[in-house]
């Protein structure tokens, strides 16, 4: 039993390290680089103003503002993904619907939701399941983009929960990413299964009743 506990702890630590690395890479390659570019553009605008090239400076500043606003949107999206306020204050169902709306607004991908049992899940399991479903949606966007994404949460025959994300993006890349999802699901005493039919793939996560109520 002690060894089993150590194994679970090791997996949790590795998962947290992977998440931190992914976040650090996103910040370095995304917002940090964009803000550095904006700073260089503003330096160029100042030089243009000092040289009397006001029209050139105005054009540079307008472009810098557009990039600045885009960076703000990326950071806002990241903040939402890390810990959406709606998940903490209203629960899993409103959080998943907000995720669907945000994905559609940011990427132009229709996201349908079927969440008849999302309200039956406990607070701790809600946070863990939201993280898994959010990652599956993000993977679908990165793999495709797909023409549509479907997110669903329903009750299993045994009283647990079945959650899934389905899309029509390239399924082969889904196969390469399923192991990380399976590891996260095992930490919840559940299972994650990949199903591929033609060009459409679905990852189905099943949680037992005792986990879903936590």
C-alpha atoms as a PDB file:
ATOM      1  CA  UNK A   1       0.000   0.000   0.000  1.00  0.00           C
ATOM      2  CA  UNK A   2       2.871   2.363   0.825  1.00  0.00           C
ATOM      3  CA  UNK A   3       4.493   1.660  -2.537  1.00  0.00           C
ATOM      4  CA  UNK A   4       1.160   2.309  -4.284  1.00  0.00           C
ATOM      5  CA  UNK A   5       0.875   5.650  -2.511  1.00  0.00           C
ATOM      6  CA  UNK A   6       4.413   6.517  -3.583  1.00  0.00           C
ATOM      7  CA  UNK A   7       3.585   5.625  -7.190  1.00  0.00           C
ATOM      8  CA  UNK A   8       0.518   7.876  -7.148  1.00  0.00           C
ATOM      9  CA  UNK A   9       2.535  10.720  -5.631  1.00  0.00           C
ATOM     10  CA  UNK A  10       5.266  10.308  -8.247  1.00  0.00           C
ATOM     11  CA  UNK A  11       2.697  10.439 -11.055  1.00  0.00           C
ATOM     12  CA  UNK A  12       1.113  13.561  -9.573  1.00  0.00           C
ATOM     13  CA  UNK A  13       4.492  15.292  -9.300  1.00  0.00           C
ATOM     14  CA  UNK A  14       5.386  14.369 -12.896  1.00  0.00           C
ATOM     15  CA  UNK A  15       2.007  15.592 -14.145  1.00  0.00           C
ATOM     16  CA  UNK A  16       2.482  18.913 -12.335  1.00  0.00           C
ATOM     17  CA  UNK A  17       5.995  19.267 -13.753  1.00  0.00           C
ATOM     18  CA  UNK A  18       4.711  18.593 -17.279  1.00  0.00           C
ATOM     19  CA  UNK A  19       1.997  21.200 -16.818  1.00  0.00           C
ATOM     20  CA  UNK A  20       4.494  23.784 -15.552  1.00  0.00           C
ATOM     21  CA  UNK A  21       6.820  23.092 -18.488  1.00  0.00           C
ATOM     22  CA  UNK A  22       3.958  23.438 -20.948  1.00  0.00           C
ATOM     23  CA  UNK A  23       2.898  26.720 -19.336  1.00  0.00           C
ATOM     24  CA  UNK A  24       6.469  28.079 -19.306  1.00  0.00           C
ATOM     25  CA  UNK A  25       6.926  27.172 -22.979  1.00  0.00           C
ATOM     26  CA  UNK A  26       3.649  28.848 -23.920  1.00  0.00           C
ATOM     27  CA  UNK A  27       4.550  32.040 -22.055  1.00  0.00           C
ATOM     28  CA  UNK A  28       8.074  32.163 -23.515  1.00  0.00           C
ATOM     29  CA  UNK A  29       7.107  31.435 -27.114  1.00  0.00           C
ATOM     30  CA  UNK A  30       3.859  33.407 -27.009  1.00  0.00           C
ATOM     31  CA  UNK A  31       3.175  36.486 -24.840  1.00  0.00           C
ATOM     32  CA  UNK A  32       6.812  37.134 -23.841  1.00  0.00           C
ATOM     33  CA  UNK A  33       7.992  37.184 -27.463  1.00  0.00           C
ATOM     34  CA  UNK A  34       5.002  39.275 -28.510  1.00  0.00           C
ATOM     35  CA  UNK A  35       5.585  41.853 -25.766  1.00  0.00           C
ATOM     36  CA  UNK A  36       9.272  42.042 -26.700  1.00  0.00           C
ATOM     37  CA  UNK A  37       8.263  42.711 -30.296  1.00  0.00           C
ATOM     38  CA  UNK A  38       5.824  45.407 -29.194  1.00  0.00           C
ATOM     39  CA  UNK A  39       8.572  47.102 -27.152  1.00  0.00           C
ATOM     40  CA  UNK A  40      10.835  47.167 -30.217  1.00  0.00           C
ATOM     41  CA  UNK A  41       8.019  48.640 -32.296  1.00  0.00           C
ATOM     42  CA  UNK A  42       7.444  51.396 -29.722  1.00  0.00           C
ATOM     43  CA  UNK A  43      11.180  52.166 -29.740  1.00  0.00           C
ATOM     44  CA  UNK A  44      10.925  52.505 -33.505  1.00  0.00           C
ATOM     45  CA  UNK A  45       7.947  54.824 -33.140  1.00  0.00           C
ATOM     46  CA  UNK A  46       9.878  57.063 -30.731  1.00  0.00           C
ATOM     47  CA  UNK A  47      12.773  57.292 -33.177  1.00  0.00           C
ATOM     48  CA  UNK A  48      10.352  58.110 -35.987  1.00  0.00           C
ATOM     49  CA  UNK A  49       8.798  60.892 -33.907  1.00  0.00           C
ATOM     50  CA  UNK A  50      12.225  62.333 -33.075  1.00  0.00           C
ATOM     51  CA  UNK A  51      13.010  62.346 -36.811  1.00  0.00           C
ATOM     52  CA  UNK A  52       9.755  64.118 -37.587  1.00  0.00           C
ATOM     53  CA  UNK A  53       8.214  61.097 -39.339  1.00  0.00           C
ATOM     54  CA  UNK A  54       4.903  61.349 -37.511  1.00  0.00           C
ATOM     55  CA  UNK A  55       2.840  59.391 -40.040  1.00  0.00           C
ATOM     56  CA  UNK A  56       5.296  56.494 -39.897  1.00  0.00           C
ATOM     57  CA  UNK A  57       5.220  56.615 -36.103  1.00  0.00           C
ATOM     58  CA  UNK A  58       1.409  56.552 -36.101  1.00  0.00           C
ATOM     59  CA  UNK A  59       1.373  53.459 -38.318  1.00  0.00           C
ATOM     60  CA  UNK A  60       3.841  51.679 -36.040  1.00  0.00           C
ATOM     61  CA  UNK A  61       1.838  52.540 -32.915  1.00  0.00           C
ATOM     62  CA  UNK A  62      -1.420  51.345 -34.479  1.00  0.00           C
ATOM     63  CA  UNK A  63       0.167  47.986 -35.344  1.00  0.00           C
ATOM     64  CA  UNK A  64       1.655  47.746 -31.842  1.00  0.00           C
ATOM     65  CA  UNK A  65      -1.779  48.364 -30.316  1.00  0.00           C
ATOM     66  CA  UNK A  66      -3.319  45.561 -32.372  1.00  0.00           C
ATOM     67  CA  UNK A  67      -0.606  43.132 -31.239  1.00  0.00           C
ATOM     68  CA  UNK A  68      -0.950  44.329 -27.640  1.00  0.00           C
ATOM     69  CA  UNK A  69      -4.687  43.641 -27.642  1.00  0.00           C
ATOM     70  CA  UNK A  70      -4.088  40.185 -29.153  1.00  0.00           C
ATOM     71  CA  UNK A  71      -1.579  39.419 -26.384  1.00  0.00           C
ATOM     72  CA  UNK A  72      -4.079  40.511 -23.746  1.00  0.00           C
ATOM     73  CA  UNK A  73      -6.615  38.098 -25.237  1.00  0.00           C
ATOM     74  CA  UNK A  74      -4.083  35.251 -25.094  1.00  0.00           C
ATOM     75  CA  UNK A  75      -3.272  35.973 -21.450  1.00  0.00           C
ATOM     76  CA  UNK A  76      -6.971  36.252 -20.612  1.00  0.00           C
ATOM     77  CA  UNK A  77      -7.579  32.894 -22.284  1.00  0.00           C
ATOM     78  CA  UNK A  78      -4.699  31.395 -20.289  1.00  0.00           C
ATOM     79  CA  UNK A  79      -6.076  32.778 -17.036  1.00  0.00           C
ATOM     80  CA  UNK A  80      -9.477  31.283 -17.841  1.00  0.00           C
ATOM     81  CA  UNK A  81      -7.939  27.915 -18.684  1.00  0.00           C
ATOM     82  CA  UNK A  82      -5.878  27.721 -15.500  1.00  0.00           C
ATOM     83  CA  UNK A  83      -8.731  28.426 -13.108  1.00  0.00           C
ATOM     84  CA  UNK A  84     -11.955  29.797 -14.548  1.00  0.00           C
ATOM     85  CA  UNK A  85     -13.862  31.792 -11.964  1.00  0.00           C
ATOM     86  CA  UNK A  86     -17.118  30.305 -13.222  1.00  0.00           C
ATOM     87  CA  UNK A  87     -15.927  26.789 -12.270  1.00  0.00           C
ATOM     88  CA  UNK A  88     -15.235  27.844  -8.709  1.00  0.00           C
ATOM     89  CA  UNK A  89     -18.379  29.935  -8.306  1.00  0.00           C
ATOM     90  CA  UNK A  90     -20.990  28.096 -10.397  1.00  0.00           C
ATOM     91  CA  UNK A  91     -19.773  24.535 -10.996  1.00  0.00           C
ATOM     92  CA  UNK A  92     -18.785  22.239 -13.839  1.00  0.00           C
ATOM     93  CA  UNK A  93     -21.686  22.720 -16.251  1.00  0.00           C
ATOM     94  CA  UNK A  94     -21.424  26.539 -16.552  1.00  0.00           C
ATOM     95  CA  UNK A  95     -17.622  26.217 -16.753  1.00  0.00           C
ATOM     96  CA  UNK A  96     -17.786  23.755 -19.665  1.00  0.00           C
ATOM     97  CA  UNK A  97     -20.337  25.896 -21.472  1.00  0.00           C
ATOM     98  CA  UNK A  98     -18.060  28.910 -20.987  1.00  0.00           C
ATOM     99  CA  UNK A  99     -15.141  26.853 -22.337  1.00  0.00           C
ATOM    100  CA  UNK A 100     -17.213  25.948 -25.390  1.00  0.00           C
ATOM    101  CA  UNK A 101     -18.156  29.594 -25.974  1.00  0.00           C
ATOM    102  CA  UNK A 102     -14.560  30.735 -25.568  1.00  0.00           C
ATOM    103  CA  UNK A 103     -13.228  28.079 -27.961  1.00  0.00           C
ATOM    104  CA  UNK A 104     -15.779  29.024 -30.577  1.00  0.00           C
ATOM    105  CA  UNK A 105     -15.085  32.746 -30.165  1.00  0.00           C
ATOM    106  CA  UNK A 106     -11.284  32.377 -30.228  1.00  0.00           C
ATOM    107  CA  UNK A 107     -10.913  29.782 -32.984  1.00  0.00           C
ATOM    108  CA  UNK A 108     -14.185  29.875 -34.920  1.00  0.00           C
ATOM    109  CA  UNK A 109     -14.834  26.186 -34.192  1.00  0.00           C
ATOM    110  CA  UNK A 110     -18.440  25.224 -33.305  1.00  0.00           C
ATOM    111  CA  UNK A 111     -18.562  23.396 -29.953  1.00  0.00           C
ATOM    112  CA  UNK A 112     -21.721  21.505 -29.005  1.00  0.00           C
ATOM    113  CA  UNK A 113     -22.303  20.496 -25.383  1.00  0.00           C
ATOM    114  CA  UNK A 114     -24.450  17.742 -23.891  1.00  0.00           C
ATOM    115  CA  UNK A 115     -24.177  18.105 -20.113  1.00  0.00           C
ATOM    116  CA  UNK A 116     -27.252  16.507 -18.581  1.00  0.00           C
ATOM    117  CA  UNK A 117     -25.327  15.102 -15.586  1.00  0.00           C
ATOM    118  CA  UNK A 118     -22.587  17.695 -15.103  1.00  0.00           C
ATOM    119  CA  UNK A 119     -24.294  19.030 -11.978  1.00  0.00           C
ATOM    120  CA  UNK A 120     -24.124  15.646 -10.200  1.00  0.00           C
ATOM    121  CA  UNK A 121     -20.343  15.653  -9.820  1.00  0.00           C
ATOM    122  CA  UNK A 122     -18.549  16.698  -6.617  1.00  0.00           C
ATOM    123  CA  UNK A 123     -16.335  19.766  -6.287  1.00  0.00           C
ATOM    124  CA  UNK A 124     -12.963  17.987  -6.273  1.00  0.00           C
ATOM    125  CA  UNK A 125     -13.863  15.710  -9.173  1.00  0.00           C
ATOM    126  CA  UNK A 126     -15.273  18.712 -11.079  1.00  0.00           C
ATOM    127  CA  UNK A 127     -11.916  20.464 -11.041  1.00  0.00           C
ATOM    128  CA  UNK A 128     -10.041  17.333 -12.134  1.00  0.00           C
ATOM    129  CA  UNK A 129     -12.547  16.460 -14.856  1.00  0.00           C
ATOM    130  CA  UNK A 130     -12.647  20.018 -16.158  1.00  0.00           C
ATOM    131  CA  UNK A 131      -8.850  19.944 -16.536  1.00  0.00           C
ATOM    132  CA  UNK A 132      -9.051  16.727 -18.555  1.00  0.00           C
ATOM    133  CA  UNK A 133     -11.854  17.938 -20.817  1.00  0.00           C
ATOM    134  CA  UNK A 134     -10.170  21.305 -21.337  1.00  0.00           C
ATOM    135  CA  UNK A 135      -6.967  19.536 -22.412  1.00  0.00           C
ATOM    136  CA  UNK A 136      -8.910  17.324 -24.831  1.00  0.00           C
ATOM    137  CA  UNK A 137     -10.571  20.374 -26.384  1.00  0.00           C
ATOM    138  CA  UNK A 138      -7.202  22.138 -26.665  1.00  0.00           C
ATOM    139  CA  UNK A 139      -5.710  19.041 -28.308  1.00  0.00           C
ATOM    140  CA  UNK A 140      -8.537  18.970 -30.830  1.00  0.00           C
ATOM    141  CA  UNK A 141      -7.875  22.598 -31.773  1.00  0.00           C
ATOM    142  CA  UNK A 142      -4.121  22.024 -32.095  1.00  0.00           C
ATOM    143  CA  UNK A 143      -4.514  18.821 -34.127  1.00  0.00           C
ATOM    144  CA  UNK A 144      -6.884  20.174 -36.717  1.00  0.00           C
ATOM    145  CA  UNK A 145      -8.448  22.441 -36.565  1.00  0.00           C
ATOM    146  CA  UNK A 146     -11.609  20.318 -36.643  1.00  0.00           C
ATOM    147  CA  UNK A 147     -14.875  21.437 -38.193  1.00  0.00           C
ATOM    148  CA  UNK A 148     -16.663  20.834 -34.882  1.00  0.00           C
ATOM    149  CA  UNK A 149     -16.121  19.556 -31.330  1.00  0.00           C
ATOM    150  CA  UNK A 150     -18.632  17.759 -29.108  1.00  0.00           C
ATOM    151  CA  UNK A 151     -18.333  17.696 -25.309  1.00  0.00           C
ATOM    152  CA  UNK A 152     -20.664  15.513 -23.263  1.00  0.00           C
ATOM    153  CA  UNK A 153     -21.117  14.392 -19.661  1.00  0.00           C
ATOM    154  CA  UNK A 154     -23.651  11.683 -18.763  1.00  0.00           C
ATOM    155  CA  UNK A 155     -24.303   9.181 -15.988  1.00  0.00           C
ATOM    156  CA  UNK A 156     -23.119   5.594 -16.303  1.00  0.00           C
ATOM    157  CA  UNK A 157     -25.258   2.575 -15.456  1.00  0.00           C
ATOM    158  CA  UNK A 158     -23.262   2.062 -12.255  1.00  0.00           C
ATOM    159  CA  UNK A 159     -23.902   5.619 -11.071  1.00  0.00           C
ATOM    160  CA  UNK A 160     -20.573   7.066 -12.172  1.00  0.00           C
ATOM    161  CA  UNK A 161     -19.928   9.560 -14.922  1.00  0.00           C
ATOM    162  CA  UNK A 162     -19.014   9.233 -18.598  1.00  0.00           C
ATOM    163  CA  UNK A 163     -17.413  12.307 -20.142  1.00  0.00           C
ATOM    164  CA  UNK A 164     -16.207  12.565 -23.713  1.00  0.00           C
ATOM    165  CA  UNK A 165     -14.755  14.904 -26.305  1.00  0.00           C
ATOM    166  CA  UNK A 166     -15.248  14.009 -29.976  1.00  0.00           C
ATOM    167  CA  UNK A 167     -14.005  15.772 -33.103  1.00  0.00           C
ATOM    168  CA  UNK A 168     -13.080  15.207 -36.745  1.00  0.00           C
ATOM    169  CA  UNK A 169      -9.473  16.431 -36.599  1.00  0.00           C
ATOM    170  CA  UNK A 170      -6.558  14.159 -37.556  1.00  0.00           C
ATOM    171  CA  UNK A 171      -7.035  11.055 -35.347  1.00  0.00           C
ATOM    172  CA  UNK A 172      -3.446   9.777 -35.544  1.00  0.00           C
ATOM    173  CA  UNK A 173      -2.143  12.634 -33.409  1.00  0.00           C
ATOM    174  CA  UNK A 174      -4.908  11.866 -30.911  1.00  0.00           C
ATOM    175  CA  UNK A 175      -3.403   8.397 -30.474  1.00  0.00           C
ATOM    176  CA  UNK A 176      -0.045   9.928 -29.553  1.00  0.00           C
ATOM    177  CA  UNK A 177      -1.568  12.127 -26.822  1.00  0.00           C
ATOM    178  CA  UNK A 178      -3.966   9.657 -25.197  1.00  0.00           C
ATOM    179  CA  UNK A 179      -1.419   8.296 -22.700  1.00  0.00           C
ATOM    180  CA  UNK A 180      -1.237  11.566 -20.765  1.00  0.00           C
ATOM    181  CA  UNK A 181      -5.034  11.657 -20.506  1.00  0.00           C
ATOM    182  CA  UNK A 182      -5.127   8.035 -19.379  1.00  0.00           C
ATOM    183  CA  UNK A 183      -2.592   8.795 -16.651  1.00  0.00           C
ATOM    184  CA  UNK A 184      -4.632  11.710 -15.336  1.00  0.00           C
ATOM    185  CA  UNK A 185      -7.777   9.591 -15.382  1.00  0.00           C
ATOM    186  CA  UNK A 186      -6.107   6.748 -13.472  1.00  0.00           C
ATOM    187  CA  UNK A 187      -5.377   9.221 -10.690  1.00  0.00           C
ATOM    188  CA  UNK A 188      -9.173   9.545 -10.354  1.00  0.00           C
ATOM    189  CA  UNK A 189      -9.591   5.727 -10.346  1.00  0.00           C
ATOM    190  CA  UNK A 190     -11.178   5.971 -13.779  1.00  0.00           C
ATOM    191  CA  UNK A 191     -10.407   4.943 -17.343  1.00  0.00           C
ATOM    192  CA  UNK A 192      -9.875   6.785 -20.637  1.00  0.00           C
ATOM    193  CA  UNK A 193     -10.559   5.089 -23.966  1.00  0.00           C
ATOM    194  CA  UNK A 194      -9.882   6.288 -27.492  1.00  0.00           C
ATOM    195  CA  UNK A 195     -12.389   5.389 -30.209  1.00  0.00           C
ATOM    196  CA  UNK A 196     -11.770   6.143 -33.877  1.00  0.00           C
ATOM    197  CA  UNK A 197     -14.392   5.751 -36.608  1.00  0.00           C
ATOM    198  CA  UNK A 198     -13.187   7.004 -39.966  1.00  0.00           C
ATOM    199  CA  UNK A 199     -11.927  10.550 -39.490  1.00  0.00           C
ATOM    200  CA  UNK A 200     -13.868  11.075 -36.275  1.00  0.00           C
ATOM    201  CA  UNK A 201     -12.236  10.299 -32.935  1.00  0.00           C
ATOM    202  CA  UNK A 202     -13.616  10.302 -29.405  1.00  0.00           C
ATOM    203  CA  UNK A 203     -11.902  10.095 -26.033  1.00  0.00           C
ATOM    204  CA  UNK A 204     -14.279   8.701 -23.425  1.00  0.00           C
ATOM    205  CA  UNK A 205     -13.443   9.160 -19.747  1.00  0.00           C
ATOM    206  CA  UNK A 206     -15.303   7.019 -17.201  1.00  0.00           C
ATOM    207  CA  UNK A 207     -15.272   7.819 -13.483  1.00  0.00           C
ATOM    208  CA  UNK A 208     -16.629   5.492 -10.777  1.00  0.00           C
ATOM    209  CA  UNK A 209     -19.439   6.734  -8.535  1.00  0.00           C
ATOM    210  CA  UNK A 210     -17.248   7.166  -5.459  1.00  0.00           C
ATOM    211  CA  UNK A 211     -14.883   9.451  -7.373  1.00  0.00           C
ATOM    212  CA  UNK A 212     -17.624  11.434  -9.096  1.00  0.00           C
ATOM    213  CA  UNK A 213     -19.219  12.384  -5.774  1.00  0.00           C
ATOM    214  CA  UNK A 214     -16.007  13.714  -4.196  1.00  0.00           C
END
